[in-house]
């Protein structure tokens, strides 16, 4: 959802003007009539990105440390667990093959 001004009466985003673009993506004007239109769109986009980044709630250093530690420990746990399951299944298959005389 694009950010914009708020409608003061409702506290909701104000309706945006209807675009004049046609179904093929053109804005109804010739390509040469506004050769810098891409610059205006890029500037608007970057302004909106900057405004959104101001609203981001960044985690504290402590939260990043804690979640990183959890990810590392869970990864090590499941790595060891899957290694053990693989070792068990591999040993079982080798025992079956040796028991029943397969090559």
PDB file of N, CA and C in Angstrom:
ATOM      1  N   UNK A   1       0.832  -1.165   0.000  1.00  0.00           N
ATOM      2  CA  UNK A   1       0.000   0.000   0.000  1.00  0.00           C
ATOM      3  C   UNK A   1       0.874   1.223   0.000  1.00  0.00           C
ATOM      4  N   UNK A   2       0.609   2.146  -0.866  1.00  0.00           N
ATOM      5  CA  UNK A   2       1.394   3.361  -0.937  1.00  0.00           C
ATOM      6  C   UNK A   2       1.054   4.252   0.240  1.00  0.00           C
ATOM      7  N   UNK A   3       2.071   4.942   0.706  1.00  0.00           N
ATOM      8  CA  UNK A   3       1.816   5.869   1.793  1.00  0.00           C
ATOM      9  C   UNK A   3       1.401   7.201   1.210  1.00  0.00           C
ATOM     10  N   UNK A   4       0.624   7.915   1.934  1.00  0.00           N
ATOM     11  CA  UNK A   4       0.183   9.227   1.471  1.00  0.00           C
ATOM     12  C   UNK A   4      -0.329  10.007   2.648  1.00  0.00           C
ATOM     13  N   UNK A   5      -1.027  11.065   2.376  1.00  0.00           N
ATOM     14  CA  UNK A   5      -1.549  11.875   3.464  1.00  0.00           C
ATOM     15  C   UNK A   5      -2.754  11.188   4.074  1.00  0.00           C
ATOM     16  N   UNK A   6      -2.991  11.498   5.328  1.00  0.00           N
ATOM     17  CA  UNK A   6      -4.129  10.903   6.013  1.00  0.00           C
ATOM     18  C   UNK A   6      -5.344  11.806   5.873  1.00  0.00           C
ATOM     19  N   UNK A   7      -6.492  11.183   5.737  1.00  0.00           N
ATOM     20  CA  UNK A   7      -7.758  11.906   5.738  1.00  0.00           C
ATOM     21  C   UNK A   7      -8.034  12.274   7.186  1.00  0.00           C
ATOM     22  N   UNK A   8      -8.030  13.571   7.535  1.00  0.00           N
ATOM     23  CA  UNK A   8      -8.153  13.947   8.937  1.00  0.00           C
ATOM     24  C   UNK A   8      -9.462  13.517   9.571  1.00  0.00           C
ATOM     25  N   UNK A   9     -10.526  13.417   8.802  1.00  0.00           N
ATOM     26  CA  UNK A   9     -11.822  13.051   9.370  1.00  0.00           C
ATOM     27  C   UNK A   9     -11.865  11.588   9.784  1.00  0.00           C
ATOM     28  N   UNK A  10     -11.248  10.723   9.011  1.00  0.00           N
ATOM     29  CA  UNK A  10     -11.346   9.288   9.263  1.00  0.00           C
ATOM     30  C   UNK A  10     -10.068   8.695   9.843  1.00  0.00           C
ATOM     31  N   UNK A  11      -8.942   9.377   9.680  1.00  0.00           N
ATOM     32  CA  UNK A  11      -7.675   8.813  10.134  1.00  0.00           C
ATOM     33  C   UNK A  11      -7.175   7.714   9.215  1.00  0.00           C
ATOM     34  N   UNK A  12      -7.710   7.644   8.021  1.00  0.00           N
ATOM     35  CA  UNK A  12      -7.304   6.642   7.049  1.00  0.00           C
ATOM     36  C   UNK A  12      -6.588   7.344   5.906  1.00  0.00           C
ATOM     37  N   UNK A  13      -5.835   6.598   5.113  1.00  0.00           N
ATOM     38  CA  UNK A  13      -5.149   7.237   3.986  1.00  0.00           C
ATOM     39  C   UNK A  13      -6.150   7.906   3.046  1.00  0.00           C
ATOM     40  N   UNK A  14      -5.782   9.101   2.610  1.00  0.00           N
ATOM     41  CA  UNK A  14      -6.630   9.830   1.678  1.00  0.00           C
ATOM     42  C   UNK A  14      -6.642   9.107   0.340  1.00  0.00           C
ATOM     43  N   UNK A  15      -7.743   9.156  -0.384  1.00  0.00           N
ATOM     44  CA  UNK A  15      -7.787   8.480  -1.687  1.00  0.00           C
ATOM     45  C   UNK A  15      -6.798   9.119  -2.646  1.00  0.00           C
ATOM     46  N   UNK A  16      -6.192   8.282  -3.439  1.00  0.00           N
ATOM     47  CA  UNK A  16      -5.218   8.770  -4.415  1.00  0.00           C
ATOM     48  C   UNK A  16      -5.929   9.117  -5.700  1.00  0.00           C
ATOM     49  N   UNK A  17      -5.397  10.076  -6.439  1.00  0.00           N
ATOM     50  CA  UNK A  17      -6.020  10.424  -7.709  1.00  0.00           C
ATOM     51  C   UNK A  17      -5.979   9.249  -8.681  1.00  0.00           C
ATOM     52  N   UNK A  18      -6.948   9.178  -9.541  1.00  0.00           N
ATOM     53  CA  UNK A  18      -7.037   8.097 -10.515  1.00  0.00           C
ATOM     54  C   UNK A  18      -5.964   8.295 -11.572  1.00  0.00           C
ATOM     55  N   UNK A  19      -5.259   7.216 -11.869  1.00  0.00           N
ATOM     56  CA  UNK A  19      -4.205   7.279 -12.869  1.00  0.00           C
ATOM     57  C   UNK A  19      -4.796   7.341 -14.263  1.00  0.00           C
ATOM     58  N   UNK A  20      -4.106   8.072 -15.130  1.00  0.00           N
ATOM     59  CA  UNK A  20      -4.556   8.163 -16.514  1.00  0.00           C
ATOM     60  C   UNK A  20      -3.909   7.112 -17.388  1.00  0.00           C
ATOM     61  N   UNK A  21      -3.228   6.181 -16.791  1.00  0.00           N
ATOM     62  CA  UNK A  21      -2.548   5.158 -17.583  1.00  0.00           C
ATOM     63  C   UNK A  21      -3.552   4.224 -18.239  1.00  0.00           C
ATOM     64  N   UNK A  22      -3.226   3.820 -19.431  1.00  0.00           N
ATOM     65  CA  UNK A  22      -4.076   2.872 -20.137  1.00  0.00           C
ATOM     66  C   UNK A  22      -3.629   1.456 -19.799  1.00  0.00           C
ATOM     67  N   UNK A  23      -4.308   0.480 -20.343  1.00  0.00           N
ATOM     68  CA  UNK A  23      -4.002  -0.913 -20.018  1.00  0.00           C
ATOM     69  C   UNK A  23      -2.626  -1.336 -20.514  1.00  0.00           C
ATOM     70  N   UNK A  24      -2.069  -0.625 -21.486  1.00  0.00           N
ATOM     71  CA  UNK A  24      -0.750  -1.002 -21.981  1.00  0.00           C
ATOM     72  C   UNK A  24       0.383  -0.353 -21.187  1.00  0.00           C
ATOM     73  N   UNK A  25       0.054   0.396 -20.128  1.00  0.00           N
ATOM     74  CA  UNK A  25       1.072   0.967 -19.266  1.00  0.00           C
ATOM     75  C   UNK A  25       1.494   2.367 -19.652  1.00  0.00           C
ATOM     76  N   UNK A  26       1.054   2.849 -20.764  1.00  0.00           N
ATOM     77  CA  UNK A  26       1.426   4.204 -21.140  1.00  0.00           C
ATOM     78  C   UNK A  26       0.535   5.189 -20.411  1.00  0.00           C
ATOM     79  N   UNK A  27       0.993   6.432 -20.259  1.00  0.00           N
ATOM     80  CA  UNK A  27       0.227   7.417 -19.522  1.00  0.00           C
ATOM     81  C   UNK A  27      -0.635   8.286 -20.423  1.00  0.00           C
ATOM     82  N   UNK A  28      -0.816   7.882 -21.648  1.00  0.00           N
ATOM     83  CA  UNK A  28      -1.676   8.621 -22.555  1.00  0.00           C
ATOM     84  C   UNK A  28      -0.949   9.715 -23.301  1.00  0.00           C
ATOM     85  N   UNK A  29       0.261  10.032 -22.896  1.00  0.00           N
ATOM     86  CA  UNK A  29       1.048  11.038 -23.572  1.00  0.00           C
ATOM     87  C   UNK A  29       2.123  10.345 -24.378  1.00  0.00           C
ATOM     88  N   UNK A  30       2.657  11.032 -25.353  1.00  0.00           N
ATOM     89  CA  UNK A  30       3.706  10.454 -26.172  1.00  0.00           C
ATOM     90  C   UNK A  30       4.982  10.269 -25.386  1.00  0.00           C
ATOM     91  N   UNK A  31       5.824   9.386 -25.848  1.00  0.00           N
ATOM     92  CA  UNK A  31       7.074   9.082 -25.171  1.00  0.00           C
ATOM     93  C   UNK A  31       7.968  10.315 -25.122  1.00  0.00           C
ATOM     94  N   UNK A  32       7.942  11.111 -26.162  1.00  0.00           N
ATOM     95  CA  UNK A  32       8.834  12.263 -26.226  1.00  0.00           C
ATOM     96  C   UNK A  32       8.288  13.478 -25.482  1.00  0.00           C
ATOM     97  N   UNK A  33       7.034  13.460 -25.082  1.00  0.00           N
ATOM     98  CA  UNK A  33       6.464  14.634 -24.432  1.00  0.00           C
ATOM     99  C   UNK A  33       7.022  14.825 -23.015  1.00  0.00           C
ATOM    100  N   UNK A  34       7.374  13.723 -22.341  1.00  0.00           N
ATOM    101  CA  UNK A  34       7.960  13.832 -21.000  1.00  0.00           C
ATOM    102  C   UNK A  34       9.113  12.849 -20.885  1.00  0.00           C
ATOM    103  N   UNK A  35      10.260  13.175 -21.463  1.00  0.00           N
ATOM    104  CA  UNK A  35      11.371  12.216 -21.419  1.00  0.00           C
ATOM    105  C   UNK A  35      11.949  12.018 -20.029  1.00  0.00           C
ATOM    106  N   UNK A  36      11.651  12.907 -19.082  1.00  0.00           N
ATOM    107  CA  UNK A  36      12.205  12.749 -17.734  1.00  0.00           C
ATOM    108  C   UNK A  36      11.174  12.244 -16.741  1.00  0.00           C
ATOM    109  N   UNK A  37      10.069  11.700 -17.220  1.00  0.00           N
ATOM    110  CA  UNK A  37       9.034  11.192 -16.316  1.00  0.00           C
ATOM    111  C   UNK A  37       9.587  10.089 -15.422  1.00  0.00           C
ATOM    112  N   UNK A  38      10.514   9.314 -15.921  1.00  0.00           N
ATOM    113  CA  UNK A  38      11.097   8.243 -15.113  1.00  0.00           C
ATOM    114  C   UNK A  38      11.826   8.836 -13.908  1.00  0.00           C
ATOM    115  N   UNK A  39      12.438   9.997 -14.072  1.00  0.00           N
ATOM    116  CA  UNK A  39      13.141  10.642 -12.975  1.00  0.00           C
ATOM    117  C   UNK A  39      12.171  11.043 -11.867  1.00  0.00           C
ATOM    118  N   UNK A  40      11.012  11.577 -12.267  1.00  0.00           N
ATOM    119  CA  UNK A  40       9.990  11.956 -11.285  1.00  0.00           C
ATOM    120  C   UNK A  40       9.492  10.739 -10.525  1.00  0.00           C
ATOM    121  N   UNK A  41       9.257   9.631 -11.248  1.00  0.00           N
ATOM    122  CA  UNK A  41       8.794   8.415 -10.593  1.00  0.00           C
ATOM    123  C   UNK A  41       9.858   7.840  -9.664  1.00  0.00           C
ATOM    124  N   UNK A  42      11.120   7.889 -10.094  1.00  0.00           N
ATOM    125  CA  UNK A  42      12.215   7.375  -9.265  1.00  0.00           C
ATOM    126  C   UNK A  42      12.358   8.224  -8.005  1.00  0.00           C
ATOM    127  N   UNK A  43      12.255   9.537  -8.143  1.00  0.00           N
ATOM    128  CA  UNK A  43      12.374  10.420  -6.984  1.00  0.00           C
ATOM    129  C   UNK A  43      11.221  10.174  -6.008  1.00  0.00           C
ATOM    130  N   UNK A  44      10.011  10.011  -6.534  1.00  0.00           N
ATOM    131  CA  UNK A  44       8.859   9.719  -5.681  1.00  0.00           C
ATOM    132  C   UNK A  44       9.053   8.392  -4.958  1.00  0.00           C
ATOM    133  N   UNK A  45       9.524   7.395  -5.677  1.00  0.00           N
ATOM    134  CA  UNK A  45       9.769   6.089  -5.074  1.00  0.00           C
ATOM    135  C   UNK A  45      10.791   6.185  -3.947  1.00  0.00           C
ATOM    136  N   UNK A  46      11.902   6.864  -4.204  1.00  0.00           N
ATOM    137  CA  UNK A  46      12.943   6.970  -3.190  1.00  0.00           C
ATOM    138  C   UNK A  46      12.476   7.776  -1.985  1.00  0.00           C
ATOM    139  N   UNK A  47      11.653   8.775  -2.206  1.00  0.00           N
ATOM    140  CA  UNK A  47      11.090   9.545  -1.097  1.00  0.00           C
ATOM    141  C   UNK A  47      10.199   8.657  -0.243  1.00  0.00           C
ATOM    142  N   UNK A  48       9.375   7.828  -0.894  1.00  0.00           N
ATOM    143  CA  UNK A  48       8.506   6.917  -0.152  1.00  0.00           C
ATOM    144  C   UNK A  48       9.314   5.867   0.604  1.00  0.00           C
ATOM    145  N   UNK A  49      10.401   5.391   0.013  1.00  0.00           N
ATOM    146  CA  UNK A  49      11.271   4.429   0.696  1.00  0.00           C
ATOM    147  C   UNK A  49      11.861   5.070   1.943  1.00  0.00           C
ATOM    148  N   UNK A  50      12.343   6.302   1.824  1.00  0.00           N
ATOM    149  CA  UNK A  50      12.922   6.988   2.972  1.00  0.00           C
ATOM    150  C   UNK A  50      11.886   7.170   4.085  1.00  0.00           C
ATOM    151  N   UNK A  51      10.669   7.537   3.714  1.00  0.00           N
ATOM    152  CA  UNK A  51       9.608   7.705   4.711  1.00  0.00           C
ATOM    153  C   UNK A  51       9.276   6.392   5.400  1.00  0.00           C
ATOM    154  N   UNK A  52       9.244   5.291   4.653  1.00  0.00           N
ATOM    155  CA  UNK A  52       8.966   3.979   5.254  1.00  0.00           C
ATOM    156  C   UNK A  52      10.106   3.559   6.175  1.00  0.00           C
ATOM    157  N   UNK A  53      11.345   3.829   5.784  1.00  0.00           N
ATOM    158  CA  UNK A  53      12.486   3.438   6.610  1.00  0.00           C
ATOM    159  C   UNK A  53      12.496   4.184   7.932  1.00  0.00           C
ATOM    160  N   UNK A  54      11.925   5.368   7.978  1.00  0.00           N
ATOM    161  CA  UNK A  54      11.837   6.109   9.241  1.00  0.00           C
ATOM    162  C   UNK A  54      10.880   5.426  10.207  1.00  0.00           C
ATOM    163  N   UNK A  55       9.924   4.675   9.688  1.00  0.00           N
ATOM    164  CA  UNK A  55       8.920   4.007  10.527  1.00  0.00           C
ATOM    165  C   UNK A  55       9.340   2.615  10.975  1.00  0.00           C
ATOM    166  N   UNK A  56      10.433   2.111  10.450  1.00  0.00           N
ATOM    167  CA  UNK A  56      10.877   0.765  10.793  1.00  0.00           C
ATOM    168  C   UNK A  56      11.343   0.741  12.243  1.00  0.00           C
ATOM    169  N   UNK A  57      10.931  -0.282  12.960  1.00  0.00           N
ATOM    170  CA  UNK A  57      11.404  -0.489  14.328  1.00  0.00           C
ATOM    171  C   UNK A  57      12.577  -1.460  14.257  1.00  0.00           C
ATOM    172  N   UNK A  58      13.768  -0.939  14.463  1.00  0.00           N
ATOM    173  CA  UNK A  58      14.956  -1.761  14.361  1.00  0.00           C
ATOM    174  C   UNK A  58      15.197  -2.496  15.676  1.00  0.00           C
ATOM    175  N   UNK A  59      15.675  -3.740  15.606  1.00  0.00           N
ATOM    176  CA  UNK A  59      15.947  -4.481  16.846  1.00  0.00           C
ATOM    177  C   UNK A  59      17.184  -3.918  17.543  1.00  0.00           C
ATOM    178  N   UNK A  60      17.224  -4.094  18.848  1.00  0.00           N
ATOM    179  CA  UNK A  60      18.394  -3.645  19.610  1.00  0.00           C
ATOM    180  C   UNK A  60      19.540  -4.640  19.396  1.00  0.00           C
ATOM    181  N   UNK A  61      20.719  -4.234  19.810  1.00  0.00           N
ATOM    182  CA  UNK A  61      21.885  -5.109  19.677  1.00  0.00           C
ATOM    183  C   UNK A  61      21.674  -6.395  20.482  1.00  0.00           C
ATOM    184  N   UNK A  62      21.035  -6.269  21.636  1.00  0.00           N
ATOM    185  CA  UNK A  62      20.773  -7.435  22.487  1.00  0.00           C
ATOM    186  C   UNK A  62      19.816  -8.410  21.804  1.00  0.00           C
ATOM    187  N   UNK A  63      18.767  -7.892  21.161  1.00  0.00           N
ATOM    188  CA  UNK A  63      17.814  -8.764  20.454  1.00  0.00           C
ATOM    189  C   UNK A  63      18.489  -9.467  19.284  1.00  0.00           C
ATOM    190  N   UNK A  64      19.326  -8.753  18.549  1.00  0.00           N
ATOM    191  CA  UNK A  64      20.037  -9.371  17.417  1.00  0.00           C
ATOM    192  C   UNK A  64      20.964 -10.469  17.923  1.00  0.00           C
ATOM    193  N   UNK A  65      21.676 -10.194  19.002  1.00  0.00           N
ATOM    194  CA  UNK A  65      22.574 -11.195  19.575  1.00  0.00           C
ATOM    195  C   UNK A  65      21.801 -12.435  20.012  1.00  0.00           C
ATOM    196  N   UNK A  66      20.674 -12.216  20.701  1.00  0.00           N
ATOM    197  CA  UNK A  66      19.884 -13.348  21.219  1.00  0.00           C
ATOM    198  C   UNK A  66      19.316 -14.186  20.077  1.00  0.00           C
ATOM    199  N   UNK A  67      18.739 -13.568  19.079  1.00  0.00           N
ATOM    200  CA  UNK A  67      18.149 -14.348  17.979  1.00  0.00           C
ATOM    201  C   UNK A  67      19.225 -15.035  17.146  1.00  0.00           C
ATOM    202  N   UNK A  68      20.381 -14.382  16.991  1.00  0.00           N
ATOM    203  CA  UNK A  68      21.484 -15.024  16.263  1.00  0.00           C
ATOM    204  C   UNK A  68      21.958 -16.263  17.013  1.00  0.00           C
ATOM    205  N   UNK A  69      22.064 -16.150  18.318  1.00  0.00           N
ATOM    206  CA  UNK A  69      22.484 -17.289  19.131  1.00  0.00           C
ATOM    207  C   UNK A  69      21.480 -18.435  19.026  1.00  0.00           C
ATOM    208  N   UNK A  70      20.198 -18.127  19.049  1.00  0.00           N
ATOM    209  CA  UNK A  70      19.162 -19.159  18.918  1.00  0.00           C
ATOM    210  C   UNK A  70      19.287 -19.862  17.564  1.00  0.00           C
ATOM    211  N   UNK A  71      19.470 -19.094  16.508  1.00  0.00           N
ATOM    212  CA  UNK A  71      19.593 -19.690  15.167  1.00  0.00           C
ATOM    213  C   UNK A  71      20.807 -20.609  15.101  1.00  0.00           C
ATOM    214  N   UNK A  72      21.928 -20.176  15.643  1.00  0.00           N
ATOM    215  CA  UNK A  72      23.142 -21.003  15.611  1.00  0.00           C
ATOM    216  C   UNK A  72      22.949 -22.284  16.412  1.00  0.00           C
ATOM    217  N   UNK A  73      22.388 -22.169  17.620  1.00  0.00           N
ATOM    218  CA  UNK A  73      22.202 -23.362  18.458  1.00  0.00           C
ATOM    219  C   UNK A  73      21.207 -24.346  17.838  1.00  0.00           C
ATOM    220  N   UNK A  74      20.109 -23.841  17.273  1.00  0.00           N
ATOM    221  CA  UNK A  74      19.130 -24.724  16.640  1.00  0.00           C
ATOM    222  C   UNK A  74      19.745 -25.401  15.419  1.00  0.00           C
ATOM    223  N   UNK A  75      20.539 -24.653  14.654  1.00  0.00           N
ATOM    224  CA  UNK A  75      21.196 -25.241  13.481  1.00  0.00           C
ATOM    225  C   UNK A  75      22.154 -26.348  13.892  1.00  0.00           C
ATOM    226  N   UNK A  76      22.932 -26.123  14.941  1.00  0.00           N
ATOM    227  CA  UNK A  76      23.867 -27.154  15.418  1.00  0.00           C
ATOM    228  C   UNK A  76      23.094 -28.368  15.929  1.00  0.00           C
ATOM    229  N   UNK A  77      22.032 -28.134  16.690  1.00  0.00           N
ATOM    230  CA  UNK A  77      21.229 -29.240  17.218  1.00  0.00           C
ATOM    231  C   UNK A  77      20.684 -30.107  16.093  1.00  0.00           C
ATOM    232  N   UNK A  78      20.045 -29.471  15.113  1.00  0.00           N
ATOM    233  CA  UNK A  78      19.455 -30.265  14.030  1.00  0.00           C
ATOM    234  C   UNK A  78      20.523 -30.891  13.138  1.00  0.00           C
ATOM    235  N   UNK A  79      21.675 -30.238  13.010  1.00  0.00           N
ATOM    236  CA  UNK A  79      22.777 -30.858  12.264  1.00  0.00           C
ATOM    237  C   UNK A  79      23.238 -32.148  12.918  1.00  0.00           C
ATOM    238  N   UNK A  80      23.403 -32.101  14.240  1.00  0.00           N
ATOM    239  CA  UNK A  80      23.817 -33.308  14.977  1.00  0.00           C
ATOM    240  C   UNK A  80      22.717 -34.366  14.941  1.00  0.00           C
ATOM    241  N   UNK A  81      21.480 -33.940  15.100  1.00  0.00           N
ATOM    242  CA  UNK A  81      20.346 -34.871  15.059  1.00  0.00           C
ATOM    243  C   UNK A  81      20.274 -35.585  13.697  1.00  0.00           C
ATOM    244  N   UNK A  82      20.345 -34.826  12.631  1.00  0.00           N
ATOM    245  CA  UNK A  82      20.255 -35.436  11.294  1.00  0.00           C
ATOM    246  C   UNK A  82      21.469 -36.301  10.991  1.00  0.00           C
ATOM    247  N   UNK A  83      22.646 -35.907  11.496  1.00  0.00           N
ATOM    248  CA  UNK A  83      23.826 -36.744  11.340  1.00  0.00           C
ATOM    249  C   UNK A  83      23.613 -38.089  12.033  1.00  0.00           C
ATOM    250  N   UNK A  84      23.035 -38.052  13.241  1.00  0.00           N
ATOM    251  CA  UNK A  84      22.773 -39.291  13.971  1.00  0.00           C
ATOM    252  C   UNK A  84      21.755 -40.174  13.259  1.00  0.00           C
ATOM    253  N   UNK A  85      20.688 -39.580  12.747  1.00  0.00           N
ATOM    254  CA  UNK A  85      19.679 -40.351  12.006  1.00  0.00           C
ATOM    255  C   UNK A  85      20.306 -40.959  10.758  1.00  0.00           C
ATOM    256  N   UNK A  86      21.131 -40.197  10.052  1.00  0.00           N
ATOM    257  CA  UNK A  86      21.798 -40.703   8.853  1.00  0.00           C
ATOM    258  C   UNK A  86      22.735 -41.856   9.204  1.00  0.00           C
ATOM    259  N   UNK A  87      23.480 -41.705  10.289  1.00  0.00           N
ATOM    260  CA  UNK A  87      24.400 -42.760  10.721  1.00  0.00           C
ATOM    261  C   UNK A  87      23.633 -44.024  11.082  1.00  0.00           C
ATOM    262  N   UNK A  88      22.526 -43.872  11.790  1.00  0.00           N
ATOM    263  CA  UNK A  88      21.700 -45.014  12.190  1.00  0.00           C
ATOM    264  C   UNK A  88      21.126 -45.728  10.960  1.00  0.00           C
ATOM    265  N   UNK A  89      20.561 -44.975  10.040  1.00  0.00           N
ATOM    266  CA  UNK A  89      19.985 -45.590   8.836  1.00  0.00           C
ATOM    267  C   UNK A  89      21.063 -46.231   7.965  1.00  0.00           C
ATOM    268  N   UNK A  90      22.199 -45.587   7.850  1.00  0.00           N
ATOM    269  CA  UNK A  90      23.292 -46.144   7.046  1.00  0.00           C
ATOM    270  C   UNK A  90      23.795 -47.460   7.645  1.00  0.00           C
ATOM    271  N   UNK A  91      23.941 -47.473   8.958  1.00  0.00           N
ATOM    272  CA  UNK A  91      24.373 -48.700   9.633  1.00  0.00           C
ATOM    273  C   UNK A  91      23.331 -49.802   9.456  1.00  0.00           C
ATOM    274  N   UNK A  92      22.062 -49.448   9.566  1.00  0.00           N
ATOM    275  CA  UNK A  92      20.990 -50.427   9.394  1.00  0.00           C
ATOM    276  C   UNK A  92      20.967 -51.013   7.987  1.00  0.00           C
ATOM    277  N   UNK A  93      21.134 -50.183   6.981  1.00  0.00           N
ATOM    278  CA  UNK A  93      21.145 -50.664   5.589  1.00  0.00           C
ATOM    279  C   UNK A  93      22.359 -51.565   5.361  1.00  0.00           C
ATOM    280  N   UNK A  94      23.529 -51.173   5.845  1.00  0.00           N
ATOM    281  CA  UNK A  94      24.727 -52.010   5.678  1.00  0.00           C
ATOM    282  C   UNK A  94      24.558 -53.351   6.402  1.00  0.00           C
ATOM    283  N   UNK A  95      23.949 -53.351   7.570  1.00  0.00           N
ATOM    284  CA  UNK A  95      23.716 -54.600   8.295  1.00  0.00           C
ATOM    285  C   UNK A  95      22.770 -55.502   7.520  1.00  0.00           C
ATOM    286  N   UNK A  96      21.661 -54.920   6.964  1.00  0.00           N
ATOM    287  CA  UNK A  96      20.719 -55.704   6.168  1.00  0.00           C
ATOM    288  C   UNK A  96      21.390 -56.300   4.939  1.00  0.00           C
ATOM    289  N   UNK A  97      22.188 -55.511   4.266  1.00  0.00           N
ATOM    290  CA  UNK A  97      22.881 -56.010   3.077  1.00  0.00           C
ATOM    291  C   UNK A  97      23.880 -57.115   3.430  1.00  0.00           C
ATOM    292  N   UNK A  98      24.576 -56.967   4.536  1.00  0.00           N
ATOM    293  CA  UNK A  98      25.531 -57.994   4.957  1.00  0.00           C
ATOM    294  C   UNK A  98      24.807 -59.247   5.433  1.00  0.00           C
ATOM    295  N   UNK A  99      23.683 -59.076   6.117  1.00  0.00           N
ATOM    296  CA  UNK A  99      22.915 -60.199   6.673  1.00  0.00           C
ATOM    297  C   UNK A  99      22.316 -61.079   5.583  1.00  0.00           C
ATOM    298  N   UNK A 100      21.789 -60.441   4.523  1.00  0.00           N
ATOM    299  CA  UNK A 100      21.105 -61.208   3.498  1.00  0.00           C
ATOM    300  C   UNK A 100      21.957 -61.425   2.248  1.00  0.00           C
ATOM    301  N   UNK A 101      23.234 -61.190   2.339  1.00  0.00           N
ATOM    302  CA  UNK A 101      24.181 -61.582   1.312  1.00  0.00           C
ATOM    303  C   UNK A 101      24.168 -60.761   0.031  1.00  0.00           C
ATOM    304  N   UNK A 102      23.758 -59.525   0.084  1.00  0.00           N
ATOM    305  CA  UNK A 102      23.819 -58.696  -1.123  1.00  0.00           C
ATOM    306  C   UNK A 102      25.253 -58.259  -1.332  1.00  0.00           C
ATOM    307  N   UNK A 103      25.524 -57.828  -2.538  1.00  0.00           N
ATOM    308  CA  UNK A 103      26.905 -57.477  -2.882  1.00  0.00           C
ATOM    309  C   UNK A 103      27.366 -56.286  -2.185  1.00  0.00           C
TER     310      UNK A 103
END
